Amino acid sequence: MALLRLDRAIYASQPRPLQHQVSGYLKAARPAPVEGEIYALIVPDSNLLSGARVAAEVYKLLEGRRYDTVVLIAPSHTGSFPRIHICSVDQYDTPLGTLLVDDRLRHELCDEDDDIFLDDSGHFHTEGIDVQLPYLQTMLDAFSIVPVVMGDESPAFCYELGRAIGEITYNQRPLVVASADVLGASDAHLAEFKACFETADVARLIANPKSKI
C-alpha cells in the first residue's frame, strides 16, 4: 500500500510546498554533463512525483544557461482535435509566479502554418505544460513562454510544428521543451526511442510504434 500511495503522489499545488519539492529534486539531481548548447528537452508529461527525479535530472542541465523564450509542447489531456493550439492569454499563472506569454512569437507561429491557432482548448491542465513551468522558473531567469498543445500528434503535424518553430526562432535563443508519456513507456520502448533519437532516424522513429513514447 505504501508503494501504491507513492506512485499516485502528485506535485503540490501551493507555492511553498511546491518550491520545496522542485528545489529538493533539483538539488539531488546528478545528470551527466552535456557539452555545447541545449536547444530542446524531452521531459515527463505526468504530474506524478514518480517522474520528478527524471524531470529534475533534465532541468538541472539548464543551470547557468540563458534563453529568451521557452516553447512548451504537450499533448492534449482533454480530448483530441485536428489542430495545434497556442493559448490566448497574455500571462500564465503558476503557484511560483506569473510568466509572460510571447505574443509576437505565438502570432508568428500562427502565420507560419494554417493548422496552428490561438485557442485555449487543451490548455491549463494539471499535466503537460503546467508540470514544466515550476522547474523552468527555478532554473532560469527572465524568459517568456509560448505554450503549445497538439490536439493531434500525427507525423504531419509534428513536421509542421517543427518547421514553423525553426523558421520563427532562427538566430534567437529559444528552448523547446516537449513533454511525453515517459512514465507509461516500457524500458524496451524507451531504449528503442533513444536509439532512433541519437541516430536522428526520424523515419524509423515515426514508423516503428515500439519506439514511440
N, C-alpha and C. Protein backbone atom coordinates (compact mmCIF):
# COMPACT_ATOMS: atom_id res chain seq x y z
N MET A 1 0.81 -1.20 0.00
CA MET A 1 0.00 0.00 0.00
C MET A 1 0.86 1.27 0.00
N ALA A 2 1.98 1.23 0.69
CA ALA A 2 2.86 2.41 0.74
C ALA A 2 3.39 2.73 -0.64
N LEU A 3 3.78 1.69 -1.39
CA LEU A 3 4.29 1.91 -2.74
C LEU A 3 3.20 2.45 -3.64
N LEU A 4 1.98 1.96 -3.47
CA LEU A 4 0.87 2.43 -4.27
C LEU A 4 0.62 3.91 -4.02
N ARG A 5 0.66 4.32 -2.77
CA ARG A 5 0.45 5.74 -2.45
C ARG A 5 1.57 6.60 -3.04
N LEU A 6 2.79 6.12 -3.04
CA LEU A 6 3.90 6.87 -3.60
C LEU A 6 3.73 7.04 -5.10
N ASP A 7 3.29 5.98 -5.79
CA ASP A 7 3.10 6.05 -7.23
C ASP A 7 2.03 7.06 -7.62
N ARG A 8 1.07 7.29 -6.71
CA ARG A 8 -0.03 8.18 -7.01
C ARG A 8 0.18 9.58 -6.46
N ALA A 9 1.25 9.83 -5.77
CA ALA A 9 1.53 11.16 -5.21
C ALA A 9 1.77 12.16 -6.33
N ILE A 10 1.25 13.37 -6.18
CA ILE A 10 1.38 14.39 -7.21
C ILE A 10 2.09 15.62 -6.64
N TYR A 11 2.49 16.53 -7.54
CA TYR A 11 3.12 17.76 -7.12
C TYR A 11 2.15 18.59 -6.29
N ALA A 12 2.69 19.33 -5.33
CA ALA A 12 1.87 20.21 -4.50
C ALA A 12 1.30 21.35 -5.34
N SER A 13 0.19 21.90 -4.91
CA SER A 13 -0.45 23.00 -5.64
C SER A 13 -0.24 24.35 -4.97
N GLN A 14 0.36 24.36 -3.77
CA GLN A 14 0.62 25.61 -3.05
C GLN A 14 2.09 26.00 -3.21
N PRO A 15 2.38 27.32 -3.21
CA PRO A 15 3.74 27.79 -3.54
C PRO A 15 4.85 27.19 -2.70
N ARG A 16 4.75 27.27 -1.38
CA ARG A 16 5.87 26.85 -0.54
C ARG A 16 6.16 25.35 -0.65
N PRO A 17 5.16 24.46 -0.52
CA PRO A 17 5.48 23.03 -0.66
C PRO A 17 5.91 22.65 -2.06
N LEU A 18 5.36 23.33 -3.09
CA LEU A 18 5.77 23.03 -4.46
C LEU A 18 7.23 23.43 -4.67
N GLN A 19 7.61 24.62 -4.19
CA GLN A 19 9.00 25.05 -4.33
C GLN A 19 9.93 24.11 -3.57
N HIS A 20 9.49 23.63 -2.42
CA HIS A 20 10.29 22.69 -1.64
C HIS A 20 10.50 21.39 -2.42
N GLN A 21 9.44 20.89 -3.06
CA GLN A 21 9.55 19.66 -3.84
C GLN A 21 10.51 19.84 -5.02
N VAL A 22 10.26 20.87 -5.80
CA VAL A 22 11.06 21.11 -7.01
C VAL A 22 12.53 21.35 -6.65
N SER A 23 12.77 22.21 -5.69
CA SER A 23 14.15 22.52 -5.29
C SER A 23 14.85 21.29 -4.73
N GLY A 24 14.12 20.47 -3.99
CA GLY A 24 14.71 19.26 -3.42
C GLY A 24 15.14 18.27 -4.48
N TYR A 25 14.29 18.06 -5.47
CA TYR A 25 14.65 17.13 -6.54
C TYR A 25 15.80 17.68 -7.39
N LEU A 26 15.80 18.99 -7.63
CA LEU A 26 16.89 19.59 -8.40
C LEU A 26 18.21 19.51 -7.64
N LYS A 27 18.17 19.72 -6.35
CA LYS A 27 19.39 19.65 -5.54
C LYS A 27 19.98 18.25 -5.55
N ALA A 28 19.12 17.24 -5.58
CA ALA A 28 19.59 15.85 -5.55
C ALA A 28 20.00 15.34 -6.93
N ALA A 29 19.62 16.06 -7.98
CA ALA A 29 19.88 15.59 -9.35
C ALA A 29 21.37 15.60 -9.67
N ARG A 30 21.84 14.56 -10.33
CA ARG A 30 23.23 14.45 -10.75
C ARG A 30 23.27 14.01 -12.22
N PRO A 31 22.89 14.89 -13.12
CA PRO A 31 22.85 14.49 -14.53
C PRO A 31 24.25 14.39 -15.13
N ALA A 32 24.36 13.60 -16.18
CA ALA A 32 25.63 13.54 -16.91
C ALA A 32 25.85 14.88 -17.61
N PRO A 33 27.06 15.41 -17.61
CA PRO A 33 27.30 16.71 -18.23
C PRO A 33 27.06 16.69 -19.74
N VAL A 34 26.62 17.81 -20.26
CA VAL A 34 26.35 17.95 -21.69
C VAL A 34 27.22 19.07 -22.24
N GLU A 35 27.98 18.79 -23.27
CA GLU A 35 28.82 19.81 -23.89
C GLU A 35 28.03 20.54 -24.98
N GLY A 36 28.33 21.81 -25.14
CA GLY A 36 27.67 22.59 -26.18
C GLY A 36 26.32 23.12 -25.74
N GLU A 37 25.58 23.65 -26.70
CA GLU A 37 24.29 24.26 -26.42
C GLU A 37 23.20 23.20 -26.25
N ILE A 38 22.20 23.56 -25.48
CA ILE A 38 20.99 22.73 -25.35
C ILE A 38 19.84 23.51 -25.98
N TYR A 39 19.25 22.94 -27.01
CA TYR A 39 18.17 23.62 -27.72
C TYR A 39 16.80 23.02 -27.41
N ALA A 40 16.76 21.77 -26.93
CA ALA A 40 15.48 21.12 -26.70
C ALA A 40 15.60 20.08 -25.61
N LEU A 41 14.51 19.85 -24.90
CA LEU A 41 14.43 18.85 -23.85
C LEU A 41 13.19 18.00 -24.05
N ILE A 42 13.27 16.73 -23.63
CA ILE A 42 12.09 15.87 -23.56
C ILE A 42 11.93 15.48 -22.10
N VAL A 43 10.76 15.75 -21.54
CA VAL A 43 10.54 15.56 -20.10
C VAL A 43 9.24 14.81 -19.85
N PRO A 44 9.09 14.21 -18.65
CA PRO A 44 7.84 13.50 -18.34
C PRO A 44 6.63 14.42 -18.38
N ASP A 45 5.55 13.90 -18.92
CA ASP A 45 4.34 14.67 -19.11
C ASP A 45 3.44 14.66 -17.87
N SER A 46 3.66 13.70 -16.98
CA SER A 46 2.75 13.48 -15.85
C SER A 46 3.06 14.39 -14.68
N ASN A 47 2.03 14.65 -13.87
CA ASN A 47 2.24 15.41 -12.63
C ASN A 47 2.49 14.50 -11.44
N LEU A 48 2.74 13.22 -11.68
CA LEU A 48 3.07 12.29 -10.61
C LEU A 48 4.51 12.51 -10.14
N LEU A 49 4.72 12.47 -8.85
CA LEU A 49 6.06 12.65 -8.30
C LEU A 49 7.00 11.52 -8.68
N SER A 50 6.47 10.41 -9.16
CA SER A 50 7.32 9.31 -9.58
C SER A 50 8.18 9.68 -10.79
N GLY A 51 7.82 10.76 -11.47
CA GLY A 51 8.64 11.23 -12.59
C GLY A 51 9.51 12.41 -12.25
N ALA A 52 9.46 12.87 -10.99
CA ALA A 52 10.18 14.08 -10.61
C ALA A 52 11.69 13.92 -10.70
N ARG A 53 12.20 12.74 -10.37
CA ARG A 53 13.65 12.53 -10.41
C ARG A 53 14.16 12.68 -11.85
N VAL A 54 13.43 12.11 -12.80
CA VAL A 54 13.82 12.22 -14.21
C VAL A 54 13.74 13.67 -14.66
N ALA A 55 12.64 14.34 -14.33
CA ALA A 55 12.47 15.74 -14.71
C ALA A 55 13.59 16.60 -14.14
N ALA A 56 13.94 16.38 -12.89
CA ALA A 56 14.98 17.19 -12.25
C ALA A 56 16.34 16.98 -12.91
N GLU A 57 16.66 15.75 -13.29
CA GLU A 57 17.94 15.49 -13.95
C GLU A 57 18.02 16.21 -15.30
N VAL A 58 16.88 16.30 -15.97
CA VAL A 58 16.86 17.01 -17.26
C VAL A 58 16.99 18.51 -17.03
N TYR A 59 16.17 19.06 -16.15
CA TYR A 59 16.18 20.50 -15.95
C TYR A 59 17.45 21.01 -15.27
N LYS A 60 18.12 20.17 -14.52
CA LYS A 60 19.38 20.59 -13.88
C LYS A 60 20.42 20.95 -14.94
N LEU A 61 20.28 20.39 -16.14
CA LEU A 61 21.21 20.70 -17.24
C LEU A 61 21.13 22.16 -17.68
N LEU A 62 20.06 22.85 -17.29
CA LEU A 62 19.89 24.26 -17.70
C LEU A 62 20.64 25.23 -16.78
N GLU A 63 21.25 24.71 -15.74
CA GLU A 63 21.92 25.57 -14.77
C GLU A 63 22.99 26.43 -15.45
N GLY A 64 22.90 27.75 -15.24
CA GLY A 64 23.86 28.67 -15.82
C GLY A 64 23.60 29.04 -17.26
N ARG A 65 22.54 28.52 -17.85
CA ARG A 65 22.22 28.83 -19.25
C ARG A 65 21.14 29.90 -19.31
N ARG A 66 21.05 30.54 -20.46
CA ARG A 66 20.08 31.63 -20.63
C ARG A 66 19.29 31.44 -21.92
N TYR A 67 18.00 31.69 -21.83
CA TYR A 67 17.13 31.61 -23.01
C TYR A 67 16.17 32.79 -22.99
N ASP A 68 15.85 33.29 -24.17
CA ASP A 68 14.90 34.39 -24.27
C ASP A 68 13.46 33.89 -24.15
N THR A 69 13.19 32.78 -24.82
CA THR A 69 11.83 32.24 -24.84
C THR A 69 11.88 30.73 -24.74
N VAL A 70 10.89 30.16 -24.04
CA VAL A 70 10.75 28.71 -23.96
C VAL A 70 9.45 28.32 -24.64
N VAL A 71 9.56 27.50 -25.69
CA VAL A 71 8.38 26.97 -26.38
C VAL A 71 8.06 25.62 -25.76
N LEU A 72 6.90 25.51 -25.13
CA LEU A 72 6.50 24.28 -24.45
C LEU A 72 5.47 23.55 -25.29
N ILE A 73 5.71 22.28 -25.55
CA ILE A 73 4.82 21.48 -26.39
C ILE A 73 4.31 20.30 -25.59
N ALA A 74 3.00 20.10 -25.59
CA ALA A 74 2.40 19.00 -24.84
C ALA A 74 1.24 18.42 -25.63
N PRO A 75 0.92 17.15 -25.40
CA PRO A 75 -0.29 16.58 -26.00
C PRO A 75 -1.52 17.10 -25.26
N SER A 76 -2.67 17.00 -25.88
CA SER A 76 -3.91 17.39 -25.22
C SER A 76 -4.32 16.33 -24.21
N HIS A 77 -4.71 16.79 -23.02
CA HIS A 77 -5.22 15.89 -22.00
C HIS A 77 -6.73 16.02 -21.84
N THR A 78 -7.36 16.76 -22.74
CA THR A 78 -8.81 16.97 -22.67
C THR A 78 -9.52 16.50 -23.92
N GLY A 79 -8.91 15.58 -24.66
CA GLY A 79 -9.51 15.07 -25.89
C GLY A 79 -8.78 15.57 -27.12
N SER A 80 -8.85 14.80 -28.19
CA SER A 80 -8.13 15.15 -29.42
C SER A 80 -8.91 16.18 -30.24
N PHE A 81 -8.19 16.90 -31.08
CA PHE A 81 -8.77 17.83 -32.04
C PHE A 81 -7.77 18.00 -33.17
N PRO A 82 -8.23 18.25 -34.39
CA PRO A 82 -7.33 18.25 -35.56
C PRO A 82 -6.59 19.55 -35.77
N ARG A 83 -6.02 20.11 -34.70
CA ARG A 83 -5.30 21.39 -34.81
C ARG A 83 -4.21 21.45 -33.75
N ILE A 84 -3.41 22.51 -33.84
CA ILE A 84 -2.39 22.82 -32.84
C ILE A 84 -2.78 24.14 -32.19
N HIS A 85 -2.88 24.15 -30.88
CA HIS A 85 -3.38 25.33 -30.17
C HIS A 85 -2.30 26.01 -29.32
N ILE A 86 -2.21 27.32 -29.46
CA ILE A 86 -1.39 28.15 -28.59
C ILE A 86 -2.34 28.96 -27.71
N CYS A 87 -2.08 29.01 -26.42
CA CYS A 87 -3.03 29.68 -25.52
C CYS A 87 -3.15 31.16 -25.86
N SER A 88 -4.33 31.73 -25.58
CA SER A 88 -4.62 33.11 -25.97
C SER A 88 -4.33 34.12 -24.86
N VAL A 89 -4.04 33.65 -23.65
CA VAL A 89 -3.82 34.59 -22.53
C VAL A 89 -2.46 35.26 -22.67
N ASP A 90 -2.32 36.43 -22.05
CA ASP A 90 -1.07 37.18 -22.13
C ASP A 90 -0.07 36.80 -21.04
N GLN A 91 -0.57 36.17 -19.99
CA GLN A 91 0.32 35.71 -18.93
C GLN A 91 -0.18 34.37 -18.39
N TYR A 92 0.76 33.58 -17.90
CA TYR A 92 0.46 32.23 -17.43
C TYR A 92 0.79 32.18 -15.95
N ASP A 93 -0.23 31.97 -15.13
CA ASP A 93 -0.05 31.97 -13.68
C ASP A 93 0.27 30.58 -13.16
N THR A 94 1.28 30.48 -12.31
CA THR A 94 1.65 29.23 -11.67
C THR A 94 1.75 29.50 -10.16
N PRO A 95 1.81 28.47 -9.33
CA PRO A 95 1.98 28.72 -7.89
C PRO A 95 3.26 29.48 -7.57
N LEU A 96 4.25 29.44 -8.47
CA LEU A 96 5.53 30.11 -8.21
C LEU A 96 5.61 31.49 -8.86
N GLY A 97 4.51 31.96 -9.43
CA GLY A 97 4.52 33.30 -10.02
C GLY A 97 3.94 33.33 -11.41
N THR A 98 4.06 34.48 -12.04
CA THR A 98 3.47 34.71 -13.36
C THR A 98 4.54 34.75 -14.44
N LEU A 99 4.24 34.12 -15.57
CA LEU A 99 5.14 34.13 -16.72
C LEU A 99 4.44 34.82 -17.89
N LEU A 100 5.18 35.65 -18.61
CA LEU A 100 4.62 36.34 -19.77
C LEU A 100 4.63 35.42 -20.98
N VAL A 101 3.56 35.46 -21.74
CA VAL A 101 3.49 34.72 -23.00
C VAL A 101 4.00 35.62 -24.11
N ASP A 102 4.90 35.10 -24.94
CA ASP A 102 5.50 35.89 -26.01
C ASP A 102 4.48 36.07 -27.13
N ASP A 103 3.86 37.24 -27.15
CA ASP A 103 2.77 37.49 -28.10
C ASP A 103 3.27 37.52 -29.55
N ARG A 104 4.44 38.09 -29.76
CA ARG A 104 4.97 38.17 -31.12
C ARG A 104 5.25 36.79 -31.69
N LEU A 105 5.92 35.94 -30.91
CA LEU A 105 6.27 34.62 -31.41
C LEU A 105 5.05 33.75 -31.65
N ARG A 106 4.05 33.85 -30.77
CA ARG A 106 2.88 32.99 -30.98
C ARG A 106 2.10 33.39 -32.23
N HIS A 107 2.04 34.70 -32.51
CA HIS A 107 1.37 35.12 -33.74
C HIS A 107 2.18 34.73 -34.98
N GLU A 108 3.50 34.79 -34.87
CA GLU A 108 4.33 34.36 -36.00
C GLU A 108 4.17 32.86 -36.25
N LEU A 109 4.02 32.08 -35.19
CA LEU A 109 3.77 30.65 -35.35
C LEU A 109 2.45 30.41 -36.08
N CYS A 110 1.42 31.15 -35.69
CA CYS A 110 0.12 31.01 -36.35
C CYS A 110 0.20 31.41 -37.83
N ASP A 111 1.00 32.41 -38.12
CA ASP A 111 1.14 32.86 -39.51
C ASP A 111 1.93 31.87 -40.35
N GLU A 112 2.78 31.05 -39.69
CA GLU A 112 3.62 30.10 -40.42
C GLU A 112 2.84 28.90 -40.94
N ASP A 113 1.74 28.52 -40.28
CA ASP A 113 1.06 27.29 -40.65
C ASP A 113 -0.45 27.42 -40.41
N ASP A 114 -1.23 26.90 -41.34
CA ASP A 114 -2.68 27.00 -41.25
C ASP A 114 -3.29 26.11 -40.18
N ASP A 115 -2.50 25.18 -39.61
CA ASP A 115 -3.03 24.28 -38.59
C ASP A 115 -2.73 24.76 -37.17
N ILE A 116 -2.10 25.93 -37.03
CA ILE A 116 -1.76 26.47 -35.72
C ILE A 116 -2.66 27.66 -35.42
N PHE A 117 -3.36 27.61 -34.27
CA PHE A 117 -4.35 28.63 -33.93
C PHE A 117 -4.16 29.11 -32.49
N LEU A 118 -4.62 30.33 -32.23
CA LEU A 118 -4.76 30.81 -30.86
C LEU A 118 -6.06 30.26 -30.31
N ASP A 119 -5.96 29.38 -29.33
CA ASP A 119 -7.14 28.73 -28.77
C ASP A 119 -6.74 28.12 -27.43
N ASP A 120 -7.60 28.26 -26.44
CA ASP A 120 -7.28 27.74 -25.11
C ASP A 120 -7.69 26.29 -24.91
N SER A 121 -8.32 25.68 -25.90
CA SER A 121 -8.72 24.28 -25.78
C SER A 121 -7.49 23.39 -25.60
N GLY A 122 -7.53 22.53 -24.58
CA GLY A 122 -6.41 21.64 -24.30
C GLY A 122 -5.40 22.20 -23.33
N HIS A 123 -5.49 23.50 -23.04
CA HIS A 123 -4.55 24.15 -22.13
C HIS A 123 -5.05 24.11 -20.68
N PHE A 124 -4.16 24.55 -19.78
CA PHE A 124 -4.48 24.74 -18.36
C PHE A 124 -4.93 23.43 -17.71
N HIS A 125 -4.11 22.43 -17.88
CA HIS A 125 -4.37 21.12 -17.29
C HIS A 125 -3.31 20.84 -16.24
N THR A 126 -3.62 19.95 -15.29
CA THR A 126 -2.65 19.65 -14.24
C THR A 126 -1.45 18.87 -14.74
N GLU A 127 -1.53 18.32 -15.95
CA GLU A 127 -0.40 17.62 -16.55
C GLU A 127 0.14 18.44 -17.72
N GLY A 128 1.19 17.93 -18.34
CA GLY A 128 1.71 18.61 -19.53
C GLY A 128 2.49 19.86 -19.21
N ILE A 129 2.07 20.98 -19.77
CA ILE A 129 2.79 22.25 -19.67
C ILE A 129 2.90 22.73 -18.23
N ASP A 130 1.82 22.63 -17.47
CA ASP A 130 1.82 23.15 -16.11
C ASP A 130 2.84 22.47 -15.21
N VAL A 131 3.18 21.22 -15.51
CA VAL A 131 4.18 20.50 -14.72
C VAL A 131 5.57 21.08 -14.95
N GLN A 132 5.83 21.59 -16.14
CA GLN A 132 7.18 22.02 -16.51
C GLN A 132 7.53 23.41 -15.97
N LEU A 133 6.54 24.26 -15.82
CA LEU A 133 6.81 25.67 -15.51
C LEU A 133 7.53 25.89 -14.18
N PRO A 134 7.17 25.21 -13.09
CA PRO A 134 7.91 25.44 -11.83
C PRO A 134 9.41 25.10 -11.94
N TYR A 135 9.75 24.07 -12.71
CA TYR A 135 11.17 23.75 -12.92
C TYR A 135 11.86 24.87 -13.69
N LEU A 136 11.22 25.36 -14.74
CA LEU A 136 11.80 26.43 -15.53
C LEU A 136 11.93 27.71 -14.70
N GLN A 137 10.94 28.01 -13.88
CA GLN A 137 11.00 29.20 -13.04
C GLN A 137 12.12 29.11 -12.00
N THR A 138 12.44 27.91 -11.60
CA THR A 138 13.50 27.72 -10.61
C THR A 138 14.88 27.78 -11.26
N MET A 139 15.01 27.30 -12.49
CA MET A 139 16.32 27.19 -13.14
C MET A 139 16.70 28.39 -14.01
N LEU A 140 15.72 29.12 -14.54
CA LEU A 140 16.01 30.18 -15.50
C LEU A 140 15.57 31.54 -14.97
N ASP A 141 16.18 32.59 -15.52
CA ASP A 141 15.80 33.96 -15.21
C ASP A 141 15.32 34.67 -16.47
N ALA A 142 14.34 35.54 -16.31
CA ALA A 142 13.92 36.47 -17.37
C ALA A 142 13.66 35.78 -18.70
N PHE A 143 12.61 35.01 -18.77
CA PHE A 143 12.24 34.37 -20.02
C PHE A 143 10.73 34.44 -20.21
N SER A 144 10.31 34.43 -21.47
CA SER A 144 8.89 34.35 -21.79
C SER A 144 8.59 32.94 -22.28
N ILE A 145 7.31 32.63 -22.45
CA ILE A 145 6.93 31.29 -22.88
C ILE A 145 5.95 31.34 -24.04
N VAL A 146 5.90 30.23 -24.78
CA VAL A 146 4.88 30.02 -25.80
C VAL A 146 4.32 28.62 -25.57
N PRO A 147 3.16 28.50 -24.90
CA PRO A 147 2.59 27.19 -24.59
C PRO A 147 1.80 26.63 -25.79
N VAL A 148 2.18 25.44 -26.23
CA VAL A 148 1.58 24.81 -27.41
C VAL A 148 1.00 23.46 -27.03
N VAL A 149 -0.25 23.22 -27.40
CA VAL A 149 -0.88 21.91 -27.19
C VAL A 149 -1.25 21.31 -28.54
N MET A 150 -0.82 20.07 -28.76
CA MET A 150 -1.11 19.37 -30.00
C MET A 150 -2.35 18.49 -29.81
N GLY A 151 -3.41 18.83 -30.52
CA GLY A 151 -4.62 18.03 -30.45
C GLY A 151 -4.50 16.75 -31.24
N ASP A 152 -3.50 16.70 -32.11
CA ASP A 152 -3.22 15.52 -32.94
C ASP A 152 -1.70 15.45 -33.07
N GLU A 153 -1.12 14.32 -32.68
CA GLU A 153 0.34 14.16 -32.72
C GLU A 153 0.78 13.35 -33.95
N SER A 154 0.10 13.56 -35.05
CA SER A 154 0.44 12.85 -36.28
C SER A 154 1.79 13.31 -36.79
N PRO A 155 2.49 12.48 -37.58
CA PRO A 155 3.77 12.90 -38.17
C PRO A 155 3.66 14.21 -38.95
N ALA A 156 2.55 14.40 -39.66
CA ALA A 156 2.38 15.62 -40.44
C ALA A 156 2.37 16.85 -39.54
N PHE A 157 1.64 16.77 -38.44
CA PHE A 157 1.59 17.90 -37.52
C PHE A 157 2.94 18.13 -36.85
N CYS A 158 3.64 17.06 -36.53
CA CYS A 158 4.96 17.19 -35.91
C CYS A 158 5.92 17.90 -36.85
N TYR A 159 5.91 17.52 -38.13
CA TYR A 159 6.76 18.19 -39.12
C TYR A 159 6.38 19.66 -39.25
N GLU A 160 5.08 19.94 -39.31
CA GLU A 160 4.62 21.31 -39.49
C GLU A 160 5.06 22.19 -38.31
N LEU A 161 4.85 21.69 -37.12
CA LEU A 161 5.21 22.48 -35.94
C LEU A 161 6.71 22.67 -35.83
N GLY A 162 7.47 21.61 -36.10
CA GLY A 162 8.93 21.72 -36.05
C GLY A 162 9.46 22.72 -37.05
N ARG A 163 8.94 22.67 -38.27
CA ARG A 163 9.38 23.62 -39.29
C ARG A 163 9.02 25.05 -38.90
N ALA A 164 7.81 25.24 -38.37
CA ALA A 164 7.37 26.58 -38.00
C ALA A 164 8.23 27.15 -36.88
N ILE A 165 8.53 26.34 -35.88
CA ILE A 165 9.38 26.81 -34.77
C ILE A 165 10.78 27.16 -35.27
N GLY A 166 11.32 26.33 -36.15
CA GLY A 166 12.63 26.60 -36.71
C GLY A 166 12.68 27.90 -37.48
N GLU A 167 11.61 28.19 -38.22
CA GLU A 167 11.57 29.41 -39.03
C GLU A 167 11.52 30.67 -38.16
N ILE A 168 10.68 30.66 -37.14
CA ILE A 168 10.47 31.91 -36.39
C ILE A 168 11.53 32.15 -35.31
N THR A 169 12.28 31.11 -34.95
CA THR A 169 13.28 31.29 -33.89
C THR A 169 14.70 31.33 -34.44
N TYR A 170 14.84 31.41 -35.75
CA TYR A 170 16.18 31.47 -36.34
C TYR A 170 16.95 32.68 -35.80
N ASN A 171 18.18 32.45 -35.41
CA ASN A 171 19.06 33.50 -34.91
C ASN A 171 18.58 34.08 -33.57
N GLN A 172 17.83 33.30 -32.79
CA GLN A 172 17.40 33.71 -31.47
C GLN A 172 17.91 32.68 -30.46
N ARG A 173 17.53 32.87 -29.19
CA ARG A 173 17.94 31.94 -28.13
C ARG A 173 16.70 31.29 -27.51
N PRO A 174 16.06 30.36 -28.26
CA PRO A 174 14.90 29.69 -27.71
C PRO A 174 15.27 28.34 -27.09
N LEU A 175 14.39 27.84 -26.25
CA LEU A 175 14.48 26.47 -25.74
C LEU A 175 13.14 25.81 -26.03
N VAL A 176 13.17 24.62 -26.59
CA VAL A 176 11.94 23.86 -26.84
C VAL A 176 11.85 22.76 -25.79
N VAL A 177 10.74 22.72 -25.07
CA VAL A 177 10.50 21.69 -24.06
C VAL A 177 9.30 20.86 -24.50
N ALA A 178 9.53 19.59 -24.80
CA ALA A 178 8.47 18.70 -25.22
C ALA A 178 8.18 17.70 -24.11
N SER A 179 6.93 17.59 -23.71
CA SER A 179 6.57 16.63 -22.67
C SER A 179 5.98 15.38 -23.31
N ALA A 180 6.37 14.22 -22.79
CA ALA A 180 5.95 12.94 -23.36
C ALA A 180 5.62 11.96 -22.24
N ASP A 181 4.90 10.91 -22.58
CA ASP A 181 4.48 9.91 -21.58
C ASP A 181 5.64 8.97 -21.27
N VAL A 182 6.68 9.50 -20.70
CA VAL A 182 7.86 8.71 -20.36
C VAL A 182 7.53 7.64 -19.32
N LEU A 183 6.69 8.01 -18.34
CA LEU A 183 6.38 7.08 -17.26
C LEU A 183 5.56 5.88 -17.74
N GLY A 184 4.81 6.07 -18.82
CA GLY A 184 3.98 4.99 -19.32
C GLY A 184 4.67 4.09 -20.32
N ALA A 185 5.92 4.40 -20.65
CA ALA A 185 6.66 3.61 -21.65
C ALA A 185 7.48 2.52 -20.96
N SER A 186 7.61 1.39 -21.64
CA SER A 186 8.43 0.30 -21.11
C SER A 186 9.90 0.61 -21.34
N ASP A 187 10.77 -0.10 -20.64
CA ASP A 187 12.22 0.09 -20.82
C ASP A 187 12.62 -0.21 -22.27
N ALA A 188 12.00 -1.22 -22.86
CA ALA A 188 12.33 -1.58 -24.24
C ALA A 188 11.94 -0.47 -25.21
N HIS A 189 10.77 0.12 -25.00
CA HIS A 189 10.32 1.20 -25.88
C HIS A 189 11.20 2.44 -25.71
N LEU A 190 11.59 2.73 -24.47
CA LEU A 190 12.47 3.87 -24.24
C LEU A 190 13.83 3.66 -24.90
N ALA A 191 14.35 2.44 -24.84
CA ALA A 191 15.63 2.12 -25.48
C ALA A 191 15.54 2.28 -26.99
N GLU A 192 14.42 1.84 -27.55
CA GLU A 192 14.22 1.98 -29.00
C GLU A 192 14.13 3.45 -29.39
N PHE A 193 13.40 4.21 -28.58
CA PHE A 193 13.29 5.64 -28.84
C PHE A 193 14.66 6.31 -28.77
N LYS A 194 15.41 5.99 -27.75
CA LYS A 194 16.74 6.57 -27.55
C LYS A 194 17.65 6.27 -28.74
N ALA A 195 17.61 5.03 -29.23
CA ALA A 195 18.45 4.64 -30.36
C ALA A 195 18.08 5.43 -31.61
N CYS A 196 16.78 5.57 -31.86
CA CYS A 196 16.33 6.32 -33.03
C CYS A 196 16.68 7.80 -32.90
N PHE A 197 16.52 8.32 -31.70
CA PHE A 197 16.78 9.74 -31.46
C PHE A 197 18.25 10.07 -31.63
N GLU A 198 19.12 9.25 -31.07
CA GLU A 198 20.56 9.52 -31.11
C GLU A 198 21.13 9.42 -32.52
N THR A 199 20.51 8.63 -33.37
CA THR A 199 20.98 8.49 -34.75
C THR A 199 20.18 9.38 -35.70
N ALA A 200 19.27 10.19 -35.14
CA ALA A 200 18.43 11.09 -35.94
C ALA A 200 17.67 10.32 -37.02
N ASP A 201 17.24 9.11 -36.68
CA ASP A 201 16.50 8.27 -37.61
C ASP A 201 15.01 8.58 -37.48
N VAL A 202 14.60 9.70 -38.08
CA VAL A 202 13.23 10.18 -37.92
C VAL A 202 12.24 9.22 -38.55
N ALA A 203 12.56 8.70 -39.73
CA ALA A 203 11.64 7.81 -40.42
C ALA A 203 11.36 6.55 -39.59
N ARG A 204 12.42 5.99 -39.01
CA ARG A 204 12.25 4.80 -38.17
C ARG A 204 11.50 5.13 -36.89
N LEU A 205 11.76 6.30 -36.35
CA LEU A 205 11.12 6.73 -35.12
C LEU A 205 9.61 6.83 -35.31
N ILE A 206 9.19 7.36 -36.44
CA ILE A 206 7.76 7.53 -36.72
C ILE A 206 7.11 6.22 -37.15
N ALA A 207 7.83 5.43 -37.93
CA ALA A 207 7.24 4.22 -38.50
C ALA A 207 7.10 3.09 -37.50
N ASN A 208 8.01 3.01 -36.52
CA ASN A 208 8.02 1.90 -35.59
C ASN A 208 7.26 2.27 -34.31
N PRO A 209 6.06 1.69 -34.09
CA PRO A 209 5.28 2.07 -32.90
C PRO A 209 5.98 1.74 -31.60
N LYS A 210 6.91 0.79 -31.61
CA LYS A 210 7.62 0.44 -30.38
C LYS A 210 8.55 1.54 -29.92
N SER A 211 8.90 2.43 -30.83
CA SER A 211 9.83 3.50 -30.49
C SER A 211 9.13 4.72 -29.92
N LYS A 212 7.79 4.73 -30.00
CA LYS A 212 7.06 5.91 -29.58
C LYS A 212 6.81 5.91 -28.08
N ILE A 213 6.85 7.10 -27.49
CA ILE A 213 6.56 7.24 -26.07
C ILE A 213 5.52 8.32 -25.86
